[in-house]
Amino acid sequence: MKYPKFLTLNVATTSIQPKSIGLLPSQPLNATAIPLKCNRCVLKGVMLRAQDGTIANLDPSRYSLKGNDKQKFIEIELDSTKPQDFGDYFAIIQNEDGTEERVKALTVVCKSIHI
């Protein structure tokens, strides 16, 4: 009797160390790098959930995957922070088995000014 293949488990690991940064509106920050460990993963995109509740996909020119097989970094460009740049950034990563994951990579908060 033949049995159909029901489930295949592949060992694929993804580990990210999320960062949190506090900035003032219009404060320049060239780029920030978030450490990422994964085997043959692909960065499919970066999504921003802004503090005002809006959700948007970042333009591909604003992020990239850098590094080598042992250590990779997601680099996100934050040239001059606008109000809509504050919030949580999620990396959309496809691991080696083809599964997509959305993982929080960066939180950008607005610093308060005390006078």
PDB file of N, CA and C in Angstrom:
ATOM      1  N   MET A   1       0.839  -1.175   0.000  1.00  0.00           N
ATOM      2  CA  MET A   1       0.000   0.000   0.000  1.00  0.00           C
ATOM      3  C   MET A   1       0.889   1.245   0.000  1.00  0.00           C
ATOM      4  N   LYS A   2       0.565   2.202  -0.866  1.00  0.00           N
ATOM      5  CA  LYS A   2       1.331   3.449  -0.942  1.00  0.00           C
ATOM      6  C   LYS A   2       0.644   4.521  -0.112  1.00  0.00           C
ATOM      7  N   TYR A   3       1.462   5.294   0.561  1.00  0.00           N
ATOM      8  CA  TYR A   3       0.939   6.417   1.332  1.00  0.00           C
ATOM      9  C   TYR A   3       1.386   7.710   0.671  1.00  0.00           C
ATOM     10  N   PRO A   4       0.494   8.676   0.558  1.00  0.00           N
ATOM     11  CA  PRO A   4       0.913   9.965  -0.014  1.00  0.00           C
ATOM     12  C   PRO A   4       1.778  10.732   0.978  1.00  0.00           C
ATOM     13  N   LYS A   5       2.682  11.500   0.444  1.00  0.00           N
ATOM     14  CA  LYS A   5       3.546  12.330   1.278  1.00  0.00           C
ATOM     15  C   LYS A   5       2.684  13.449   1.864  1.00  0.00           C
ATOM     16  N   PHE A   6       2.564  13.467   3.165  1.00  0.00           N
ATOM     17  CA  PHE A   6       1.675  14.419   3.827  1.00  0.00           C
ATOM     18  C   PHE A   6       2.418  15.636   4.367  1.00  0.00           C
ATOM     19  N   LEU A   7       3.563  15.400   4.961  1.00  0.00           N
ATOM     20  CA  LEU A   7       4.276  16.480   5.627  1.00  0.00           C
ATOM     21  C   LEU A   7       5.773  16.272   5.474  1.00  0.00           C
ATOM     22  N   THR A   8       6.457  17.332   5.086  1.00  0.00           N
ATOM     23  CA  THR A   8       7.907  17.307   5.003  1.00  0.00           C
ATOM     24  C   THR A   8       8.437  18.426   5.885  1.00  0.00           C
ATOM     25  N   LEU A   9       9.312  18.091   6.795  1.00  0.00           N
ATOM     26  CA  LEU A   9       9.914  19.094   7.667  1.00  0.00           C
ATOM     27  C   LEU A   9      11.327  19.395   7.192  1.00  0.00           C
ATOM     28  N   ASN A  10      11.593  20.668   6.996  1.00  0.00           N
ATOM     29  CA  ASN A  10      12.935  21.114   6.639  1.00  0.00           C
ATOM     30  C   ASN A  10      13.469  21.952   7.785  1.00  0.00           C
ATOM     31  N   VAL A  11      14.738  21.812   8.049  1.00  0.00           N
ATOM     32  CA  VAL A  11      15.350  22.591   9.115  1.00  0.00           C
ATOM     33  C   VAL A  11      15.795  23.927   8.534  1.00  0.00           C
ATOM     34  N   ALA A  12      15.043  24.961   8.859  1.00  0.00           N
ATOM     35  CA  ALA A  12      15.387  26.312   8.413  1.00  0.00           C
ATOM     36  C   ALA A  12      15.321  27.221   9.631  1.00  0.00           C
ATOM     37  N   THR A  13      16.391  27.925   9.888  1.00  0.00           N
ATOM     38  CA  THR A  13      16.413  28.796  11.057  1.00  0.00           C
ATOM     39  C   THR A  13      16.598  30.239  10.637  1.00  0.00           C
ATOM     40  N   THR A  14      15.864  31.101  11.313  1.00  0.00           N
ATOM     41  CA  THR A  14      16.002  32.538  11.111  1.00  0.00           C
ATOM     42  C   THR A  14      16.051  33.182  12.483  1.00  0.00           C
ATOM     43  N   SER A  15      17.035  34.007  12.705  1.00  0.00           N
ATOM     44  CA  SER A  15      17.175  34.698  13.978  1.00  0.00           C
ATOM     45  C   SER A  15      17.511  36.157  13.696  1.00  0.00           C
ATOM     46  N   ILE A  16      16.758  37.043  14.323  1.00  0.00           N
ATOM     47  CA  ILE A  16      16.985  38.473  14.116  1.00  0.00           C
ATOM     48  C   ILE A  16      17.034  39.154  15.474  1.00  0.00           C
ATOM     49  N   GLN A  17      17.904  40.139  15.600  1.00  0.00           N
ATOM     50  CA  GLN A  17      18.015  40.904  16.835  1.00  0.00           C
ATOM     51  C   GLN A  17      17.419  42.284  16.575  1.00  0.00           C
ATOM     52  N   PRO A  18      16.142  42.487  16.936  1.00  0.00           N
ATOM     53  CA  PRO A  18      15.508  43.775  16.636  1.00  0.00           C
ATOM     54  C   PRO A  18      16.186  44.928  17.368  1.00  0.00           C
ATOM     55  N   LYS A  19      16.143  46.094  16.743  1.00  0.00           N
ATOM     56  CA  LYS A  19      16.729  47.305  17.313  1.00  0.00           C
ATOM     57  C   LYS A  19      15.626  48.305  17.613  1.00  0.00           C
ATOM     58  N   SER A  20      15.916  49.208  18.523  1.00  0.00           N
ATOM     59  CA  SER A  20      15.015  50.317  18.813  1.00  0.00           C
ATOM     60  C   SER A  20      15.854  51.587  18.871  1.00  0.00           C
ATOM     61  N   ILE A  21      15.435  52.609  18.127  1.00  0.00           N
ATOM     62  CA  ILE A  21      16.156  53.878  18.142  1.00  0.00           C
ATOM     63  C   ILE A  21      15.175  55.023  18.359  1.00  0.00           C
ATOM     64  N   GLY A  22      15.644  56.020  19.082  1.00  0.00           N
ATOM     65  CA  GLY A  22      14.861  57.229  19.312  1.00  0.00           C
ATOM     66  C   GLY A  22      15.453  58.374  18.514  1.00  0.00           C
ATOM     67  N   LEU A  23      14.613  59.034  17.724  1.00  0.00           N
ATOM     68  CA  LEU A  23      15.053  60.141  16.874  1.00  0.00           C
ATOM     69  C   LEU A  23      14.107  61.321  17.018  1.00  0.00           C
ATOM     70  N   LEU A  24      14.611  62.478  16.667  1.00  0.00           N
ATOM     71  CA  LEU A  24      13.774  63.672  16.571  1.00  0.00           C
ATOM     72  C   LEU A  24      13.262  63.783  15.141  1.00  0.00           C
ATOM     73  N   PRO A  25      12.072  64.357  14.942  1.00  0.00           N
ATOM     74  CA  PRO A  25      11.599  64.557  13.564  1.00  0.00           C
ATOM     75  C   PRO A  25      12.630  65.335  12.758  1.00  0.00           C
ATOM     76  N   SER A  26      12.854  64.919  11.547  1.00  0.00           N
ATOM     77  CA  SER A  26      13.811  65.461  10.574  1.00  0.00           C
ATOM     78  C   SER A  26      15.279  65.253  10.974  1.00  0.00           C
ATOM     79  N   GLN A  27      15.532  64.475  12.023  1.00  0.00           N
ATOM     80  CA  GLN A  27      16.915  64.157  12.390  1.00  0.00           C
ATOM     81  C   GLN A  27      17.487  63.193  11.361  1.00  0.00           C
ATOM     82  N   PRO A  28      18.647  63.511  10.777  1.00  0.00           N
ATOM     83  CA  PRO A  28      19.223  62.614   9.770  1.00  0.00           C
ATOM     84  C   PRO A  28      19.856  61.377  10.407  1.00  0.00           C
ATOM     85  N   LEU A  29      19.662  60.258   9.760  1.00  0.00           N
ATOM     86  CA  LEU A  29      20.305  59.004  10.128  1.00  0.00           C
ATOM     87  C   LEU A  29      20.496  58.266   8.819  1.00  0.00           C
ATOM     88  N   ASN A  30      21.720  58.131   8.375  1.00  0.00           N
ATOM     89  CA  ASN A  30      21.972  57.543   7.057  1.00  0.00           C
ATOM     90  C   ASN A  30      21.347  56.164   6.909  1.00  0.00           C
ATOM     91  N   ALA A  31      21.722  55.242   7.769  1.00  0.00           N
ATOM     92  CA  ALA A  31      21.192  53.880   7.689  1.00  0.00           C
ATOM     93  C   ALA A  31      21.402  53.202   9.028  1.00  0.00           C
ATOM     94  N   THR A  32      20.612  52.201   9.275  1.00  0.00           N
ATOM     95  CA  THR A  32      20.813  51.387  10.462  1.00  0.00           C
ATOM     96  C   THR A  32      20.872  49.927  10.032  1.00  0.00           C
ATOM     97  N   ALA A  33      21.754  49.159  10.669  1.00  0.00           N
ATOM     98  CA  ALA A  33      21.953  47.751  10.314  1.00  0.00           C
ATOM     99  C   ALA A  33      21.423  46.864  11.433  1.00  0.00           C
ATOM    100  N   ILE A  34      20.590  45.893  11.064  1.00  0.00           N
ATOM    101  CA  ILE A  34      20.000  44.963  12.019  1.00  0.00           C
ATOM    102  C   ILE A  34      20.602  43.582  11.762  1.00  0.00           C
ATOM    103  N   PRO A  35      21.278  42.978  12.775  1.00  0.00           N
ATOM    104  CA  PRO A  35      21.885  41.655  12.596  1.00  0.00           C
ATOM    105  C   PRO A  35      20.831  40.585  12.308  1.00  0.00           C
ATOM    106  N   LEU A  36      21.153  39.685  11.388  1.00  0.00           N
ATOM    107  CA  LEU A  36      20.252  38.618  10.963  1.00  0.00           C
ATOM    108  C   LEU A  36      21.068  37.355  10.739  1.00  0.00           C
ATOM    109  N   LYS A  37      20.585  36.233  11.263  1.00  0.00           N
ATOM    110  CA  LYS A  37      21.214  34.936  11.000  1.00  0.00           C
ATOM    111  C   LYS A  37      20.184  34.061  10.302  1.00  0.00           C
ATOM    112  N   CYS A  38      20.551  33.547   9.146  1.00  0.00           N
ATOM    113  CA  CYS A  38      19.663  32.637   8.424  1.00  0.00           C
ATOM    114  C   CYS A  38      20.464  31.877   7.377  1.00  0.00           C
ATOM    115  N   ASN A  39      19.933  30.743   6.984  1.00  0.00           N
ATOM    116  CA  ASN A  39      20.566  29.919   5.956  1.00  0.00           C
ATOM    117  C   ASN A  39      19.859  30.172   4.635  1.00  0.00           C
ATOM    118  N   ARG A  40      20.576  30.670   3.668  1.00  0.00           N
ATOM    119  CA  ARG A  40      20.047  30.888   2.321  1.00  0.00           C
ATOM    120  C   ARG A  40      18.694  31.590   2.329  1.00  0.00           C
ATOM    121  N   CYS A  41      18.596  32.676   3.068  1.00  0.00           N
ATOM    122  CA  CYS A  41      17.329  33.402   3.109  1.00  0.00           C
ATOM    123  C   CYS A  41      17.343  34.547   2.099  1.00  0.00           C
ATOM    124  N   VAL A  42      16.139  35.018   1.791  1.00  0.00           N
ATOM    125  CA  VAL A  42      15.956  36.113   0.847  1.00  0.00           C
ATOM    126  C   VAL A  42      15.110  37.172   1.537  1.00  0.00           C
ATOM    127  N   LEU A  43      15.546  38.418   1.466  1.00  0.00           N
ATOM    128  CA  LEU A  43      14.764  39.525   2.008  1.00  0.00           C
ATOM    129  C   LEU A  43      13.757  39.937   0.942  1.00  0.00           C
ATOM    130  N   LYS A  44      12.487  39.625   1.172  1.00  0.00           N
ATOM    131  CA  LYS A  44      11.432  39.893   0.191  1.00  0.00           C
ATOM    132  C   LYS A  44      10.903  41.319   0.284  1.00  0.00           C
ATOM    133  N   GLY A  45      11.036  41.937   1.465  1.00  0.00           N
ATOM    134  CA  GLY A  45      10.537  43.296   1.614  1.00  0.00           C
ATOM    135  C   GLY A  45      10.627  43.751   3.054  1.00  0.00           C
ATOM    136  N   VAL A  46      10.306  45.022   3.271  1.00  0.00           N
ATOM    137  CA  VAL A  46      10.231  45.597   4.610  1.00  0.00           C
ATOM    138  C   VAL A  46       8.918  46.359   4.692  1.00  0.00           C
ATOM    139  N   MET A  47       8.169  46.081   5.744  1.00  0.00           N
ATOM    140  CA  MET A  47       6.869  46.703   5.951  1.00  0.00           C
ATOM    141  C   MET A  47       6.950  47.620   7.167  1.00  0.00           C
ATOM    142  N   LEU A  48       6.311  48.774   7.084  1.00  0.00           N
ATOM    143  CA  LEU A  48       6.289  49.732   8.187  1.00  0.00           C
ATOM    144  C   LEU A  48       4.871  49.848   8.721  1.00  0.00           C
ATOM    145  N   ARG A  49       4.724  49.632  10.014  1.00  0.00           N
ATOM    146  CA  ARG A  49       3.466  49.922  10.702  1.00  0.00           C
ATOM    147  C   ARG A  49       3.724  51.200  11.493  1.00  0.00           C
ATOM    148  N   ALA A  50       3.260  52.325  10.938  1.00  0.00           N
ATOM    149  CA  ALA A  50       3.548  53.638  11.512  1.00  0.00           C
ATOM    150  C   ALA A  50       2.765  53.857  12.806  1.00  0.00           C
ATOM    151  N   GLN A  51       3.202  54.844  13.592  1.00  0.00           N
ATOM    152  CA  GLN A  51       2.555  55.136  14.863  1.00  0.00           C
ATOM    153  C   GLN A  51       1.116  55.607  14.684  1.00  0.00           C
ATOM    154  N   ASP A  52       0.791  56.165  13.515  1.00  0.00           N
ATOM    155  CA  ASP A  52      -0.585  56.614  13.278  1.00  0.00           C
ATOM    156  C   ASP A  52      -1.490  55.481  12.800  1.00  0.00           C
ATOM    157  N   GLY A  53      -0.960  54.251  12.726  1.00  0.00           N
ATOM    158  CA  GLY A  53      -1.758  53.092  12.359  1.00  0.00           C
ATOM    159  C   GLY A  53      -1.695  52.703  10.897  1.00  0.00           C
ATOM    160  N   THR A  54      -1.078  53.529  10.057  1.00  0.00           N
ATOM    161  CA  THR A  54      -0.987  53.177   8.639  1.00  0.00           C
ATOM    162  C   THR A  54       0.075  52.096   8.433  1.00  0.00           C
ATOM    163  N   ILE A  55      -0.146  51.291   7.403  1.00  0.00           N
ATOM    164  CA  ILE A  55       0.785  50.218   7.056  1.00  0.00           C
ATOM    165  C   ILE A  55       1.238  50.442   5.624  1.00  0.00           C
ATOM    166  N   ALA A  56       2.545  50.372   5.403  1.00  0.00           N
ATOM    167  CA  ALA A  56       3.076  50.597   4.054  1.00  0.00           C
ATOM    168  C   ALA A  56       4.295  49.717   3.832  1.00  0.00           C
ATOM    169  N   ASN A  57       4.503  49.336   2.584  1.00  0.00           N
ATOM    170  CA  ASN A  57       5.723  48.629   2.199  1.00  0.00           C
ATOM    171  C   ASN A  57       6.774  49.660   1.826  1.00  0.00           C
ATOM    172  N   LEU A  58       7.988  49.483   2.324  1.00  0.00           N
ATOM    173  CA  LEU A  58       9.073  50.397   1.988  1.00  0.00           C
ATOM    174  C   LEU A  58       9.498  50.200   0.544  1.00  0.00           C
ATOM    175  N   ASP A  59       9.903  51.279  -0.077  1.00  0.00           N
ATOM    176  CA  ASP A  59      10.455  51.209  -1.418  1.00  0.00           C
ATOM    177  C   ASP A  59      11.741  50.380  -1.345  1.00  0.00           C
ATOM    178  N   PRO A  60      11.947  49.450  -2.276  1.00  0.00           N
ATOM    179  CA  PRO A  60      13.152  48.604  -2.238  1.00  0.00           C
ATOM    180  C   PRO A  60      14.467  49.377  -2.217  1.00  0.00           C
ATOM    181  N   SER A  61      14.468  50.626  -2.656  1.00  0.00           N
ATOM    182  CA  SER A  61      15.702  51.418  -2.618  1.00  0.00           C
ATOM    183  C   SER A  61      16.079  51.815  -1.191  1.00  0.00           C
ATOM    184  N   ARG A  62      15.161  51.637  -0.226  1.00  0.00           N
ATOM    185  CA  ARG A  62      15.417  52.045   1.158  1.00  0.00           C
ATOM    186  C   ARG A  62      15.933  50.917   2.047  1.00  0.00           C
ATOM    187  N   TYR A  63      16.060  49.700   1.517  1.00  0.00           N
ATOM    188  CA  TYR A  63      16.563  48.595   2.335  1.00  0.00           C
ATOM    189  C   TYR A  63      17.383  47.632   1.476  1.00  0.00           C
ATOM    190  N   SER A  64      18.255  46.882   2.152  1.00  0.00           N
ATOM    191  CA  SER A  64      19.049  45.869   1.450  1.00  0.00           C
ATOM    192  C   SER A  64      19.535  44.831   2.456  1.00  0.00           C
ATOM    193  N   LEU A  65      19.937  43.685   1.933  1.00  0.00           N
ATOM    194  CA  LEU A  65      20.514  42.616   2.738  1.00  0.00           C
ATOM    195  C   LEU A  65      22.003  42.588   2.440  1.00  0.00           C
ATOM    196  N   LYS A  66      22.828  42.746   3.471  1.00  0.00           N
ATOM    197  CA  LYS A  66      24.281  42.798   3.299  1.00  0.00           C
ATOM    198  C   LYS A  66      24.932  41.721   4.156  1.00  0.00           C
ATOM    199  N   GLY A  67      26.197  41.461   3.901  1.00  0.00           N
ATOM    200  CA  GLY A  67      26.952  40.513   4.711  1.00  0.00           C
ATOM    201  C   GLY A  67      27.315  39.263   3.949  1.00  0.00           C
ATOM    202  N   ASN A  68      27.703  38.222   4.717  1.00  0.00           N
ATOM    203  CA  ASN A  68      28.121  36.955   4.116  1.00  0.00           C
ATOM    204  C   ASN A  68      27.307  35.808   4.715  1.00  0.00           C
ATOM    205  N   ASP A  69      27.716  34.562   4.437  1.00  0.00           N
ATOM    206  CA  ASP A  69      26.964  33.401   4.918  1.00  0.00           C
ATOM    207  C   ASP A  69      26.927  33.300   6.439  1.00  0.00           C
ATOM    208  N   LYS A  70      27.983  33.746   7.106  1.00  0.00           N
ATOM    209  CA  LYS A  70      28.033  33.629   8.562  1.00  0.00           C
ATOM    210  C   LYS A  70      27.236  34.719   9.266  1.00  0.00           C
ATOM    211  N   GLN A  71      27.269  35.939   8.766  1.00  0.00           N
ATOM    212  CA  GLN A  71      26.538  37.043   9.402  1.00  0.00           C
ATOM    213  C   GLN A  71      25.985  37.975   8.338  1.00  0.00           C
ATOM    214  N   LYS A  72      24.694  38.206   8.416  1.00  0.00           N
ATOM    215  CA  LYS A  72      24.031  39.116   7.488  1.00  0.00           C
ATOM    216  C   LYS A  72      23.454  40.283   8.265  1.00  0.00           C
ATOM    217  N   PHE A  73      23.166  41.365   7.548  1.00  0.00           N
ATOM    218  CA  PHE A  73      22.558  42.550   8.133  1.00  0.00           C
ATOM    219  C   PHE A  73      21.466  43.054   7.206  1.00  0.00           C
ATOM    220  N   ILE A  74      20.357  43.464   7.789  1.00  0.00           N
ATOM    221  CA  ILE A  74      19.342  44.184   7.030  1.00  0.00           C
ATOM    222  C   ILE A  74      19.663  45.654   7.235  1.00  0.00           C
ATOM    223  N   GLU A  75      19.899  46.359   6.158  1.00  0.00           N
ATOM    224  CA  GLU A  75      20.222  47.778   6.242  1.00  0.00           C
ATOM    225  C   GLU A  75      19.008  48.576   5.778  1.00  0.00           C
ATOM    226  N   ILE A  76      18.522  49.474   6.645  1.00  0.00           N
ATOM    227  CA  ILE A  76      17.359  50.305   6.339  1.00  0.00           C
ATOM    228  C   ILE A  76      17.801  51.757   6.321  1.00  0.00           C
ATOM    229  N   GLU A  77      17.477  52.453   5.233  1.00  0.00           N
ATOM    230  CA  GLU A  77      17.829  53.867   5.070  1.00  0.00           C
ATOM    231  C   GLU A  77      16.777  54.749   5.738  1.00  0.00           C
ATOM    232  N   LEU A  78      17.230  55.650   6.593  1.00  0.00           N
ATOM    233  CA  LEU A  78      16.371  56.649   7.232  1.00  0.00           C
ATOM    234  C   LEU A  78      17.057  57.999   7.065  1.00  0.00           C
ATOM    235  N   ASP A  79      17.003  58.557   5.865  1.00  0.00           N
ATOM    236  CA  ASP A  79      17.748  59.784   5.562  1.00  0.00           C
ATOM    237  C   ASP A  79      17.344  60.956   6.444  1.00  0.00           C
ATOM    238  N   SER A  80      16.128  61.381   6.356  1.00  0.00           N
ATOM    239  CA  SER A  80      15.629  62.490   7.167  1.00  0.00           C
ATOM    240  C   SER A  80      14.247  62.081   7.644  1.00  0.00           C
ATOM    241  N   THR A  81      14.143  61.755   8.926  1.00  0.00           N
ATOM    242  CA  THR A  81      12.913  61.156   9.431  1.00  0.00           C
ATOM    243  C   THR A  81      11.723  62.103   9.363  1.00  0.00           C
ATOM    244  N   LYS A  82      10.661  61.595   8.744  1.00  0.00           N
ATOM    245  CA  LYS A  82       9.384  62.297   8.660  1.00  0.00           C
ATOM    246  C   LYS A  82       8.448  61.644   9.676  1.00  0.00           C
ATOM    247  N   PRO A  83       7.352  62.312  10.035  1.00  0.00           N
ATOM    248  CA  PRO A  83       6.430  61.712  11.015  1.00  0.00           C
ATOM    249  C   PRO A  83       5.974  60.302  10.637  1.00  0.00           C
ATOM    250  N   GLN A  84       5.780  60.038   9.346  1.00  0.00           N
ATOM    251  CA  GLN A  84       5.321  58.710   8.927  1.00  0.00           C
ATOM    252  C   GLN A  84       6.425  57.654   8.979  1.00  0.00           C
ATOM    253  N   ASP A  85       7.675  58.042   9.308  1.00  0.00           N
ATOM    254  CA  ASP A  85       8.775  57.078   9.437  1.00  0.00           C
ATOM    255  C   ASP A  85       8.867  56.472  10.838  1.00  0.00           C
ATOM    256  N   PHE A  86       8.116  57.012  11.792  1.00  0.00           N
ATOM    257  CA  PHE A  86       8.157  56.506  13.164  1.00  0.00           C
ATOM    258  C   PHE A  86       7.191  55.335  13.302  1.00  0.00           C
ATOM    259  N   GLY A  87       7.668  54.241  13.893  1.00  0.00           N
ATOM    260  CA  GLY A  87       6.834  53.056  14.073  1.00  0.00           C
ATOM    261  C   GLY A  87       7.675  51.793  14.058  1.00  0.00           C
ATOM    262  N   ASP A  88       7.024  50.675  13.759  1.00  0.00           N
ATOM    263  CA  ASP A  88       7.676  49.367  13.753  1.00  0.00           C
ATOM    264  C   ASP A  88       7.933  48.907  12.323  1.00  0.00           C
ATOM    265  N   TYR A  89       9.156  48.462  12.067  1.00  0.00           N
ATOM    266  CA  TYR A  89       9.560  47.954  10.759  1.00  0.00           C
ATOM    267  C   TYR A  89       9.649  46.429  10.847  1.00  0.00           C
ATOM    268  N   PHE A  90       8.999  45.742   9.917  1.00  0.00           N
ATOM    269  CA  PHE A  90       8.996  44.286   9.883  1.00  0.00           C
ATOM    270  C   PHE A  90       9.704  43.808   8.622  1.00  0.00           C
ATOM    271  N   ALA A  91      10.644  42.882   8.785  1.00  0.00           N
ATOM    272  CA  ALA A  91      11.333  42.278   7.640  1.00  0.00           C
ATOM    273  C   ALA A  91      10.509  41.090   7.157  1.00  0.00           C
ATOM    274  N   ILE A  92      10.308  41.009   5.859  1.00  0.00           N
ATOM    275  CA  ILE A  92       9.622  39.870   5.254  1.00  0.00           C
ATOM    276  C   ILE A  92      10.717  38.997   4.649  1.00  0.00           C
ATOM    277  N   ILE A  93      10.955  37.866   5.293  1.00  0.00           N
ATOM    278  CA  ILE A  93      12.082  36.998   4.950  1.00  0.00           C
ATOM    279  C   ILE A  93      11.560  35.651   4.457  1.00  0.00           C
ATOM    280  N   GLN A  94      12.147  35.170   3.377  1.00  0.00           N
ATOM    281  CA  GLN A  94      11.838  33.823   2.891  1.00  0.00           C
ATOM    282  C   GLN A  94      13.023  32.931   3.237  1.00  0.00           C
ATOM    283  N   ASN A  95      12.783  31.877   4.080  1.00  0.00           N
ATOM    284  CA  ASN A  95      13.902  31.005   4.438  1.00  0.00           C
ATOM    285  C   ASN A  95      14.148  29.972   3.362  1.00  0.00           C
ATOM    286  N   GLU A  96      15.149  29.149   3.619  1.00  0.00           N
ATOM    287  CA  GLU A  96      15.603  28.201   2.605  1.00  0.00           C
ATOM    288  C   GLU A  96      14.538  27.196   2.194  1.00  0.00           C
ATOM    289  N   ASP A  97      13.535  26.951   3.043  1.00  0.00           N
ATOM    290  CA  ASP A  97      12.480  26.006   2.666  1.00  0.00           C
ATOM    291  C   ASP A  97      11.310  26.687   1.950  1.00  0.00           C
ATOM    292  N   GLY A  98      11.437  28.001   1.676  1.00  0.00           N
ATOM    293  CA  GLY A  98      10.413  28.724   0.931  1.00  0.00           C
ATOM    294  C   GLY A  98       9.341  29.368   1.784  1.00  0.00           C
ATOM    295  N   THR A  99       9.425  29.215   3.102  1.00  0.00           N
ATOM    296  CA  THR A  99       8.439  29.794   4.002  1.00  0.00           C
ATOM    297  C   THR A  99       8.745  31.268   4.234  1.00  0.00           C
ATOM    298  N   GLU A 100       7.705  32.105   4.150  1.00  0.00           N
ATOM    299  CA  GLU A 100       7.880  33.533   4.429  1.00  0.00           C
ATOM    300  C   GLU A 100       7.552  33.816   5.884  1.00  0.00           C
ATOM    301  N   GLU A 101       8.368  34.663   6.495  1.00  0.00           N
ATOM    302  CA  GLU A 101       8.155  35.092   7.872  1.00  0.00           C
ATOM    303  C   GLU A 101       8.181  36.610   7.917  1.00  0.00           C
ATOM    304  N   ARG A 102       7.335  37.185   8.768  1.00  0.00           N
ATOM    305  CA  ARG A 102       7.370  38.620   9.031  1.00  0.00           C
ATOM    306  C   ARG A 102       7.883  38.790  10.457  1.00  0.00           C
ATOM    307  N   VAL A 103       9.042  39.416  10.583  1.00  0.00           N
ATOM    308  CA  VAL A 103       9.715  39.525  11.867  1.00  0.00           C
ATOM    309  C   VAL A 103       9.999  40.992  12.157  1.00  0.00           C
ATOM    310  N   LYS A 104       9.674  41.423  13.394  1.00  0.00           N
ATOM    311  CA  LYS A 104       9.969  42.813  13.757  1.00  0.00           C
ATOM    312  C   LYS A 104      11.473  43.002  13.781  1.00  0.00           C
ATOM    313  N   ALA A 105      11.947  44.013  13.038  1.00  0.00           N
ATOM    314  CA  ALA A 105      13.381  44.248  12.918  1.00  0.00           C
ATOM    315  C   ALA A 105      13.810  45.549  13.581  1.00  0.00           C
ATOM    316  N   LEU A 106      12.936  46.555  13.552  1.00  0.00           N
ATOM    317  CA  LEU A 106      13.334  47.885  14.004  1.00  0.00           C
ATOM    318  C   LEU A 106      12.125  48.643  14.521  1.00  0.00           C
ATOM    319  N   THR A 107      12.322  49.373  15.615  1.00  0.00           N
ATOM    320  CA  THR A 107      11.317  50.300  16.124  1.00  0.00           C
ATOM    321  C   THR A 107      11.957  51.677  16.170  1.00  0.00           C
ATOM    322  N   VAL A 108      11.310  52.647  15.537  1.00  0.00           N
ATOM    323  CA  VAL A 108      11.786  54.030  15.552  1.00  0.00           C
ATOM    324  C   VAL A 108      10.766  54.844  16.336  1.00  0.00           C
ATOM    325  N   VAL A 109      11.215  55.410  17.466  1.00  0.00           N
ATOM    326  CA  VAL A 109      10.331  56.215  18.312  1.00  0.00           C
ATOM    327  C   VAL A 109      10.777  57.668  18.277  1.00  0.00           C
ATOM    328  N   CYS A 110       9.825  58.537  18.511  1.00  0.00           N
ATOM    329  CA  CYS A 110      10.102  59.973  18.528  1.00  0.00           C
ATOM    330  C   CYS A 110      10.555  60.369  19.926  1.00  0.00           C
ATOM    331  N   LYS A 111      11.744  60.960  20.011  1.00  0.00           N
ATOM    332  CA  LYS A 111      12.250  61.443  21.295  1.00  0.00           C
ATOM    333  C   LYS A 111      11.447  62.664  21.719  1.00  0.00           C
ATOM    334  N   SER A 112      11.201  62.765  23.003  1.00  0.00           N
ATOM    335  CA  SER A 112      10.518  63.963  23.494  1.00  0.00           C
ATOM    336  C   SER A 112      11.565  64.989  23.918  1.00  0.00           C
ATOM    337  N   ILE A 113      11.230  66.250  23.709  1.00  0.00           N
ATOM    338  CA  ILE A 113      12.143  67.345  24.042  1.00  0.00           C
ATOM    339  C   ILE A 113      11.617  68.036  25.297  1.00  0.00           C
ATOM    340  N   HIS A 114      12.461  68.106  26.315  1.00  0.00           N
ATOM    341  CA  HIS A 114      12.085  68.778  27.563  1.00  0.00           C
ATOM    342  C   HIS A 114      12.832  70.102  27.653  1.00  0.00           C
ATOM    343  N   ILE A 115      12.070  71.155  27.788  1.00  0.00           N
ATOM    344  CA  ILE A 115      12.695  72.492  27.854  1.00  0.00           C
ATOM    345  C   ILE A 115      12.539  73.060  29.241  1.00  0.00           C
TER     346      ILE A 115
END
